[in-house]
Amino acid sequence: MDKTFKALADSQRRDMLKLLRAGPMAAGEIGAHFDLTGATVSYHLSILKAAGLVRTDKEGNRVIYSLNTSVFEDLLVFMASFKEGIHE
């Protein structure tokens, strides 16, 4: 869970995740939306992958990124567990 929160702490990584809501994209397609070097985009995507927030598939020489929704579901369950202890 620590890696997940670290990955989500950065606004550019959150923006990358928002892009991927529309569907799988190659790293270059993701990078085209940001004023970042390719190396920086790759770094951010590696953080997201290490946190399990994105999956990768190879298509020829391209790496395609997609959301790993199961991690988001786990995160929602974790966050909801705090609400159970709140009494109004």
PDB file of N, CA and C in Angstrom:
ATOM      1  N   MET A   1       0.827  -1.198   0.000  1.00  0.00           N
ATOM      2  CA  MET A   1       0.000   0.000   0.000  1.00  0.00           C
ATOM      3  C   MET A   1       0.872   1.264   0.000  1.00  0.00           C
ATOM      4  N   ASP A   2       2.077   1.193   0.595  1.00  0.00           N
ATOM      5  CA  ASP A   2       2.963   2.358   0.614  1.00  0.00           C
ATOM      6  C   ASP A   2       3.327   2.815  -0.795  1.00  0.00           C
ATOM      7  N   LYS A   3       3.622   1.856  -1.675  1.00  0.00           N
ATOM      8  CA  LYS A   3       3.972   2.197  -3.056  1.00  0.00           C
ATOM      9  C   LYS A   3       2.791   2.847  -3.769  1.00  0.00           C
ATOM     10  N   THR A   4       1.604   2.394  -3.451  1.00  0.00           N
ATOM     11  CA  THR A   4       0.402   2.954  -4.075  1.00  0.00           C
ATOM     12  C   THR A   4       0.240   4.419  -3.690  1.00  0.00           C
ATOM     13  N   PHE A   5       0.357   4.707  -2.393  1.00  0.00           N
ATOM     14  CA  PHE A   5       0.201   6.091  -1.946  1.00  0.00           C
ATOM     15  C   PHE A   5       1.322   6.978  -2.471  1.00  0.00           C
ATOM     16  N   LYS A   6       2.554   6.449  -2.540  1.00  0.00           N
ATOM     17  CA  LYS A   6       3.667   7.220  -3.094  1.00  0.00           C
ATOM     18  C   LYS A   6       3.386   7.561  -4.550  1.00  0.00           C
ATOM     19  N   ALA A   7       2.904   6.586  -5.299  1.00  0.00           N
ATOM     20  CA  ALA A   7       2.612   6.813  -6.715  1.00  0.00           C
ATOM     21  C   ALA A   7       1.509   7.851  -6.893  1.00  0.00           C
ATOM     22  N   LEU A   8       0.499   7.791  -6.055  1.00  0.00           N
ATOM     23  CA  LEU A   8      -0.632   8.712  -6.168  1.00  0.00           C
ATOM     24  C   LEU A   8      -0.325  10.105  -5.630  1.00  0.00           C
ATOM     25  N   ALA A   9       0.778  10.252  -4.911  1.00  0.00           N
ATOM     26  CA  ALA A   9       1.128  11.548  -4.317  1.00  0.00           C
ATOM     27  C   ALA A   9       1.552  12.571  -5.369  1.00  0.00           C
ATOM     28  N   ASP A  10       1.951  12.115  -6.532  1.00  0.00           N
ATOM     29  CA  ASP A  10       2.432  13.020  -7.574  1.00  0.00           C
ATOM     30  C   ASP A  10       1.307  13.367  -8.546  1.00  0.00           C
ATOM     31  N   SER A  11       1.103  14.650  -8.780  1.00  0.00           N
ATOM     32  CA  SER A  11      -0.017  15.088  -9.639  1.00  0.00           C
ATOM     33  C   SER A  11       0.163  14.643 -11.086  1.00  0.00           C
ATOM     34  N   GLN A  12       1.396  14.588 -11.585  1.00  0.00           N
ATOM     35  CA  GLN A  12       1.587  14.153 -12.969  1.00  0.00           C
ATOM     36  C   GLN A  12       1.237  12.676 -13.127  1.00  0.00           C
ATOM     37  N   ARG A  13       1.567  11.865 -12.131  1.00  0.00           N
ATOM     38  CA  ARG A  13       1.193  10.449 -12.204  1.00  0.00           C
ATOM     39  C   ARG A  13      -0.316  10.292 -12.120  1.00  0.00           C
ATOM     40  N   ARG A  14      -0.975  11.098 -11.290  1.00  0.00           N
ATOM     41  CA  ARG A  14      -2.443  11.037 -11.231  1.00  0.00           C
ATOM     42  C   ARG A  14      -3.035  11.427 -12.586  1.00  0.00           C
ATOM     43  N   ASP A  15      -2.439  12.431 -13.239  1.00  0.00           N
ATOM     44  CA  ASP A  15      -2.921  12.839 -14.561  1.00  0.00           C
ATOM     45  C   ASP A  15      -2.714  11.724 -15.591  1.00  0.00           C
ATOM     46  N   MET A  16      -1.615  10.994 -15.479  1.00  0.00           N
ATOM     47  CA  MET A  16      -1.381   9.859 -16.379  1.00  0.00           C
ATOM     48  C   MET A  16      -2.452   8.791 -16.175  1.00  0.00           C
ATOM     49  N   LEU A  17      -2.802   8.536 -14.933  1.00  0.00           N
ATOM     50  CA  LEU A  17      -3.856   7.567 -14.641  1.00  0.00           C
ATOM     51  C   LEU A  17      -5.194   8.026 -15.221  1.00  0.00           C
ATOM     52  N   LYS A  18      -5.467   9.325 -15.138  1.00  0.00           N
ATOM     53  CA  LYS A  18      -6.706   9.862 -15.710  1.00  0.00           C
ATOM     54  C   LYS A  18      -6.751   9.632 -17.220  1.00  0.00           C
ATOM     55  N   LEU A  19      -5.620   9.819 -17.886  1.00  0.00           N
ATOM     56  CA  LEU A  19      -5.560   9.563 -19.330  1.00  0.00           C
ATOM     57  C   LEU A  19      -5.893   8.112 -19.645  1.00  0.00           C
ATOM     58  N   LEU A  20      -5.392   7.215 -18.823  1.00  0.00           N
ATOM     59  CA  LEU A  20      -5.582   5.788 -19.072  1.00  0.00           C
ATOM     60  C   LEU A  20      -7.012   5.318 -18.809  1.00  0.00           C
ATOM     61  N   ARG A  21      -7.828   6.170 -18.190  1.00  0.00           N
ATOM     62  CA  ARG A  21      -9.245   5.817 -18.015  1.00  0.00           C
ATOM     63  C   ARG A  21      -9.925   5.644 -19.364  1.00  0.00           C
ATOM     64  N   ALA A  22      -9.430   6.364 -20.374  1.00  0.00           N
ATOM     65  CA  ALA A  22     -10.023   6.280 -21.711  1.00  0.00           C
ATOM     66  C   ALA A  22      -9.633   4.988 -22.416  1.00  0.00           C
ATOM     67  N   GLY A  23      -8.614   4.310 -21.936  1.00  0.00           N
ATOM     68  CA  GLY A  23      -8.183   3.061 -22.543  1.00  0.00           C
ATOM     69  C   GLY A  23      -6.672   2.961 -22.604  1.00  0.00           C
ATOM     70  N   PRO A  24      -6.178   1.800 -22.998  1.00  0.00           N
ATOM     71  CA  PRO A  24      -4.737   1.565 -23.055  1.00  0.00           C
ATOM     72  C   PRO A  24      -4.032   2.538 -24.004  1.00  0.00           C
ATOM     73  N   MET A  25      -2.799   2.900 -23.637  1.00  0.00           N
ATOM     74  CA  MET A  25      -2.007   3.830 -24.442  1.00  0.00           C
ATOM     75  C   MET A  25      -0.538   3.434 -24.370  1.00  0.00           C
ATOM     76  N   ALA A  26       0.186   3.754 -25.438  1.00  0.00           N
ATOM     77  CA  ALA A  26       1.634   3.574 -25.447  1.00  0.00           C
ATOM     78  C   ALA A  26       2.285   4.717 -24.669  1.00  0.00           C
ATOM     79  N   ALA A  27       3.499   4.489 -24.216  1.00  0.00           N
ATOM     80  CA  ALA A  27       4.220   5.499 -23.437  1.00  0.00           C
ATOM     81  C   ALA A  27       4.321   6.817 -24.202  1.00  0.00           C
ATOM     82  N   GLY A  28       4.604   6.739 -25.498  1.00  0.00           N
ATOM     83  CA  GLY A  28       4.710   7.957 -26.306  1.00  0.00           C
ATOM     84  C   GLY A  28       3.416   8.733 -26.382  1.00  0.00           C
ATOM     85  N   GLU A  29       2.307   8.013 -26.444  1.00  0.00           N
ATOM     86  CA  GLU A  29       0.986   8.665 -26.469  1.00  0.00           C
ATOM     87  C   GLU A  29       0.716   9.362 -25.144  1.00  0.00           C
ATOM     88  N   ILE A  30       1.092   8.726 -24.057  1.00  0.00           N
ATOM     89  CA  ILE A  30       0.924   9.337 -22.738  1.00  0.00           C
ATOM     90  C   ILE A  30       1.816  10.564 -22.633  1.00  0.00           C
ATOM     91  N   GLY A  31       3.074  10.405 -23.024  1.00  0.00           N
ATOM     92  CA  GLY A  31       4.032  11.500 -22.933  1.00  0.00           C
ATOM     93  C   GLY A  31       3.662  12.716 -23.745  1.00  0.00           C
ATOM     94  N   ALA A  32       2.933  12.515 -24.847  1.00  0.00           N
ATOM     95  CA  ALA A  32       2.533  13.638 -25.701  1.00  0.00           C
ATOM     96  C   ALA A  32       1.640  14.635 -24.973  1.00  0.00           C
ATOM     97  N   HIS A  33       1.036  14.227 -23.870  1.00  0.00           N
ATOM     98  CA  HIS A  33       0.149  15.104 -23.105  1.00  0.00           C
ATOM     99  C   HIS A  33       0.886  15.917 -22.046  1.00  0.00           C
ATOM    100  N   PHE A  34       2.200  15.716 -21.931  1.00  0.00           N
ATOM    101  CA  PHE A  34       2.970  16.361 -20.876  1.00  0.00           C
ATOM    102  C   PHE A  34       4.207  17.045 -21.452  1.00  0.00           C
ATOM    103  N   ASP A  35       4.645  18.077 -20.776  1.00  0.00           N
ATOM    104  CA  ASP A  35       5.875  18.766 -21.157  1.00  0.00           C
ATOM    105  C   ASP A  35       7.023  18.141 -20.364  1.00  0.00           C
ATOM    106  N   LEU A  36       7.288  16.864 -20.655  1.00  0.00           N
ATOM    107  CA  LEU A  36       8.309  16.099 -19.937  1.00  0.00           C
ATOM    108  C   LEU A  36       9.187  15.370 -20.952  1.00  0.00           C
ATOM    109  N   THR A  37      10.399  15.054 -20.544  1.00  0.00           N
ATOM    110  CA  THR A  37      11.255  14.242 -21.400  1.00  0.00           C
ATOM    111  C   THR A  37      10.739  12.810 -21.407  1.00  0.00           C
ATOM    112  N   GLY A  38      11.136  12.048 -22.404  1.00  0.00           N
ATOM    113  CA  GLY A  38      10.755  10.642 -22.465  1.00  0.00           C
ATOM    114  C   GLY A  38      11.228   9.876 -21.248  1.00  0.00           C
ATOM    115  N   ALA A  39      12.431  10.217 -20.771  1.00  0.00           N
ATOM    116  CA  ALA A  39      12.978   9.543 -19.589  1.00  0.00           C
ATOM    117  C   ALA A  39      12.127   9.825 -18.349  1.00  0.00           C
ATOM    118  N   THR A  40      11.632  11.039 -18.235  1.00  0.00           N
ATOM    119  CA  THR A  40      10.804  11.394 -17.083  1.00  0.00           C
ATOM    120  C   THR A  40       9.457  10.686 -17.148  1.00  0.00           C
ATOM    121  N   VAL A  41       8.874  10.621 -18.331  1.00  0.00           N
ATOM    122  CA  VAL A  41       7.612   9.894 -18.508  1.00  0.00           C
ATOM    123  C   VAL A  41       7.825   8.424 -18.145  1.00  0.00           C
ATOM    124  N   SER A  42       8.906   7.857 -18.620  1.00  0.00           N
ATOM    125  CA  SER A  42       9.229   6.463 -18.325  1.00  0.00           C
ATOM    126  C   SER A  42       9.392   6.241 -16.825  1.00  0.00           C
ATOM    127  N   TYR A  43      10.039   7.190 -16.152  1.00  0.00           N
ATOM    128  CA  TYR A  43      10.212   7.107 -14.696  1.00  0.00           C
ATOM    129  C   TYR A  43       8.854   7.080 -13.993  1.00  0.00           C
ATOM    130  N   HIS A  44       7.980   8.004 -14.365  1.00  0.00           N
ATOM    131  CA  HIS A  44       6.661   8.066 -13.730  1.00  0.00           C
ATOM    132  C   HIS A  44       5.866   6.788 -13.998  1.00  0.00           C
ATOM    133  N   LEU A  45       5.937   6.284 -15.226  1.00  0.00           N
ATOM    134  CA  LEU A  45       5.217   5.057 -15.554  1.00  0.00           C
ATOM    135  C   LEU A  45       5.786   3.860 -14.791  1.00  0.00           C
ATOM    136  N   SER A  46       7.087   3.854 -14.558  1.00  0.00           N
ATOM    137  CA  SER A  46       7.678   2.752 -13.787  1.00  0.00           C
ATOM    138  C   SER A  46       7.226   2.790 -12.332  1.00  0.00           C
ATOM    139  N   ILE A  47       7.042   3.979 -11.782  1.00  0.00           N
ATOM    140  CA  ILE A  47       6.517   4.115 -10.410  1.00  0.00           C
ATOM    141  C   ILE A  47       5.085   3.587 -10.366  1.00  0.00           C
ATOM    142  N   LEU A  48       4.283   3.945 -11.353  1.00  0.00           N
ATOM    143  CA  LEU A  48       2.894   3.469 -11.407  1.00  0.00           C
ATOM    144  C   LEU A  48       2.837   1.953 -11.559  1.00  0.00           C
ATOM    145  N   LYS A  49       3.735   1.414 -12.369  1.00  0.00           N
ATOM    146  CA  LYS A  49       3.766  -0.035 -12.564  1.00  0.00           C
ATOM    147  C   LYS A  49       4.213  -0.741 -11.282  1.00  0.00           C
ATOM    148  N   ALA A  50       5.244  -0.223 -10.621  1.00  0.00           N
ATOM    149  CA  ALA A  50       5.735  -0.829  -9.377  1.00  0.00           C
ATOM    150  C   ALA A  50       4.662  -0.831  -8.294  1.00  0.00           C
ATOM    151  N   ALA A  51       3.794   0.173  -8.335  1.00  0.00           N
ATOM    152  CA  ALA A  51       2.697   0.256  -7.372  1.00  0.00           C
ATOM    153  C   ALA A  51       1.522  -0.629  -7.773  1.00  0.00           C
ATOM    154  N   GLY A  52       1.594  -1.212  -8.960  1.00  0.00           N
ATOM    155  CA  GLY A  52       0.516  -2.076  -9.423  1.00  0.00           C
ATOM    156  C   GLY A  52      -0.673  -1.322  -9.992  1.00  0.00           C
ATOM    157  N   LEU A  53      -0.525  -0.023 -10.180  1.00  0.00           N
ATOM    158  CA  LEU A  53      -1.644   0.778 -10.673  1.00  0.00           C
ATOM    159  C   LEU A  53      -1.850   0.651 -12.176  1.00  0.00           C
ATOM    160  N   VAL A  54      -0.794   0.270 -12.891  1.00  0.00           N
ATOM    161  CA  VAL A  54      -0.905   0.043 -14.330  1.00  0.00           C
ATOM    162  C   VAL A  54      -0.317  -1.313 -14.677  1.00  0.00           C
ATOM    163  N   ARG A  55      -0.808  -1.846 -15.777  1.00  0.00           N
ATOM    164  CA  ARG A  55      -0.279  -3.088 -16.354  1.00  0.00           C
ATOM    165  C   ARG A  55       0.382  -2.737 -17.673  1.00  0.00           C
ATOM    166  N   THR A  56       1.272  -3.601 -18.115  1.00  0.00           N
ATOM    167  CA  THR A  56       1.914  -3.392 -19.404  1.00  0.00           C
ATOM    168  C   THR A  56       1.746  -4.627 -20.284  1.00  0.00           C
ATOM    169  N   ASP A  57       1.624  -4.370 -21.568  1.00  0.00           N
ATOM    170  CA  ASP A  57       1.590  -5.417 -22.581  1.00  0.00           C
ATOM    171  C   ASP A  57       2.504  -4.968 -23.710  1.00  0.00           C
ATOM    172  N   LYS A  58       3.180  -5.921 -24.326  1.00  0.00           N
ATOM    173  CA  LYS A  58       4.037  -5.616 -25.461  1.00  0.00           C
ATOM    174  C   LYS A  58       3.257  -5.801 -26.748  1.00  0.00           C
ATOM    175  N   GLU A  59       3.344  -4.820 -27.616  1.00  0.00           N
ATOM    176  CA  GLU A  59       2.797  -4.906 -28.966  1.00  0.00           C
ATOM    177  C   GLU A  59       3.943  -4.561 -29.905  1.00  0.00           C
ATOM    178  N   GLY A  60       4.614  -5.584 -30.389  1.00  0.00           N
ATOM    179  CA  GLY A  60       5.808  -5.345 -31.197  1.00  0.00           C
ATOM    180  C   GLY A  60       6.891  -4.737 -30.327  1.00  0.00           C
ATOM    181  N   ASN A  61       7.363  -3.554 -30.718  1.00  0.00           N
ATOM    182  CA  ASN A  61       8.381  -2.883 -29.907  1.00  0.00           C
ATOM    183  C   ASN A  61       7.788  -1.811 -28.997  1.00  0.00           C
ATOM    184  N   ARG A  62       6.474  -1.754 -28.941  1.00  0.00           N
ATOM    185  CA  ARG A  62       5.797  -0.760 -28.088  1.00  0.00           C
ATOM    186  C   ARG A  62       5.326  -1.400 -26.789  1.00  0.00           C
ATOM    187  N   VAL A  63       5.374  -0.627 -25.723  1.00  0.00           N
ATOM    188  CA  VAL A  63       4.810  -1.049 -24.444  1.00  0.00           C
ATOM    189  C   VAL A  63       3.496  -0.297 -24.271  1.00  0.00           C
ATOM    190  N   ILE A  64       2.431  -1.044 -24.068  1.00  0.00           N
ATOM    191  CA  ILE A  64       1.097  -0.469 -23.909  1.00  0.00           C
ATOM    192  C   ILE A  64       0.721  -0.517 -22.429  1.00  0.00           C
ATOM    193  N   TYR A  65       0.301   0.624 -21.910  1.00  0.00           N
ATOM    194  CA  TYR A  65      -0.075   0.746 -20.499  1.00  0.00           C
ATOM    195  C   TYR A  65      -1.592   0.772 -20.370  1.00  0.00           C
ATOM    196  N   SER A  66      -2.084   0.110 -19.330  1.00  0.00           N
ATOM    197  CA  SER A  66      -3.523   0.134 -19.029  1.00  0.00           C
ATOM    198  C   SER A  66      -3.697   0.142 -17.519  1.00  0.00           C
ATOM    199  N   LEU A  67      -4.852   0.609 -17.084  1.00  0.00           N
ATOM    200  CA  LEU A  67      -5.148   0.649 -15.645  1.00  0.00           C
ATOM    201  C   LEU A  67      -5.316  -0.762 -15.091  1.00  0.00           C
ATOM    202  N   ASN A  68      -4.831  -0.961 -13.901  1.00  0.00           N
ATOM    203  CA  ASN A  68      -5.063  -2.200 -13.165  1.00  0.00           C
ATOM    204  C   ASN A  68      -6.139  -1.882 -12.134  1.00  0.00           C
ATOM    205  N   THR A  69      -7.372  -2.102 -12.514  1.00  0.00           N
ATOM    206  CA  THR A  69      -8.493  -1.673 -11.662  1.00  0.00           C
ATOM    207  C   THR A  69      -8.573  -2.440 -10.345  1.00  0.00           C
ATOM    208  N   SER A  70      -7.999  -3.629 -10.267  1.00  0.00           N
ATOM    209  CA  SER A  70      -8.082  -4.384  -9.009  1.00  0.00           C
ATOM    210  C   SER A  70      -7.365  -3.658  -7.881  1.00  0.00           C
ATOM    211  N   VAL A  71      -6.282  -2.937  -8.187  1.00  0.00           N
ATOM    212  CA  VAL A  71      -5.580  -2.178  -7.150  1.00  0.00           C
ATOM    213  C   VAL A  71      -6.445  -1.025  -6.671  1.00  0.00           C
ATOM    214  N   PHE A  72      -7.173  -0.394  -7.593  1.00  0.00           N
ATOM    215  CA  PHE A  72      -8.068   0.690  -7.196  1.00  0.00           C
ATOM    216  C   PHE A  72      -9.204   0.157  -6.313  1.00  0.00           C
ATOM    217  N   GLU A  73      -9.688  -1.029  -6.635  1.00  0.00           N
ATOM    218  CA  GLU A  73     -10.728  -1.640  -5.800  1.00  0.00           C
ATOM    219  C   GLU A  73     -10.194  -1.915  -4.397  1.00  0.00           C
ATOM    220  N   ASP A  74      -8.976  -2.438  -4.295  1.00  0.00           N
ATOM    221  CA  ASP A  74      -8.356  -2.678  -2.992  1.00  0.00           C
ATOM    222  C   ASP A  74      -8.195  -1.373  -2.212  1.00  0.00           C
ATOM    223  N   LEU A  75      -7.818  -0.319  -2.912  1.00  0.00           N
ATOM    224  CA  LEU A  75      -7.643   0.988  -2.283  1.00  0.00           C
ATOM    225  C   LEU A  75      -8.977   1.517  -1.753  1.00  0.00           C
ATOM    226  N   LEU A  76     -10.042   1.337  -2.530  1.00  0.00           N
ATOM    227  CA  LEU A  76     -11.365   1.780  -2.084  1.00  0.00           C
ATOM    228  C   LEU A  76     -11.827   1.017  -0.849  1.00  0.00           C
ATOM    229  N   VAL A  77     -11.565  -0.281  -0.817  1.00  0.00           N
ATOM    230  CA  VAL A  77     -11.927  -1.085   0.355  1.00  0.00           C
ATOM    231  C   VAL A  77     -11.151  -0.595   1.570  1.00  0.00           C
ATOM    232  N   PHE A  78      -9.859  -0.328   1.377  1.00  0.00           N
ATOM    233  CA  PHE A  78      -9.030   0.178   2.469  1.00  0.00           C
ATOM    234  C   PHE A  78      -9.571   1.507   2.992  1.00  0.00           C
ATOM    235  N   MET A  79      -9.878   2.428   2.085  1.00  0.00           N
ATOM    236  CA  MET A  79     -10.380   3.741   2.495  1.00  0.00           C
ATOM    237  C   MET A  79     -11.753   3.624   3.165  1.00  0.00           C
ATOM    238  N   ALA A  80     -12.592   2.739   2.656  1.00  0.00           N
ATOM    239  CA  ALA A  80     -13.921   2.561   3.239  1.00  0.00           C
ATOM    240  C   ALA A  80     -13.845   2.007   4.655  1.00  0.00           C
ATOM    241  N   SER A  81     -12.784   1.281   4.962  1.00  0.00           N
ATOM    242  CA  SER A  81     -12.657   0.717   6.302  1.00  0.00           C
ATOM    243  C   SER A  81     -12.544   1.808   7.364  1.00  0.00           C
ATOM    244  N   PHE A  82     -12.089   2.980   6.976  1.00  0.00           N
ATOM    245  CA  PHE A  82     -12.001   4.083   7.928  1.00  0.00           C
ATOM    246  C   PHE A  82     -13.379   4.642   8.235  1.00  0.00           C
ATOM    247  N   LYS A  83     -14.267   4.619   7.255  1.00  0.00           N
ATOM    248  CA  LYS A  83     -15.616   5.148   7.455  1.00  0.00           C
ATOM    249  C   LYS A  83     -16.384   4.288   8.450  1.00  0.00           C
ATOM    250  N   GLU A  84     -16.085   3.000   8.478  1.00  0.00           N
ATOM    251  CA  GLU A  84     -16.790   2.101   9.385  1.00  0.00           C
ATOM    252  C   GLU A  84     -16.599   2.504  10.841  1.00  0.00           C
ATOM    253  N   GLY A  85     -15.476   3.126  11.158  1.00  0.00           N
ATOM    254  CA  GLY A  85     -15.185   3.514  12.529  1.00  0.00           C
ATOM    255  C   GLY A  85     -15.686   4.902  12.893  1.00  0.00           C
ATOM    256  N   ILE A  86     -16.250   5.627  11.917  1.00  0.00           N
ATOM    257  CA  ILE A  86     -16.723   6.989  12.172  1.00  0.00           C
ATOM    258  C   ILE A  86     -18.190   6.953  12.573  1.00  0.00           C
ATOM    259  N   HIS A  87     -18.480   7.580  13.682  1.00  0.00           N
ATOM    260  CA  HIS A  87     -19.865   7.645  14.145  1.00  0.00           C
ATOM    261  C   HIS A  87     -20.299   9.096  14.136  1.00  0.00           C
ATOM    262  N   GLU A  88     -21.456   9.340  13.626  1.00  0.00           N
ATOM    263  CA  GLU A  88     -21.963  10.723  13.557  1.00  0.00           C
ATOM    264  C   GLU A  88     -22.660  11.113  14.827  1.00  0.00           C
TER     265      GLU A  88
END
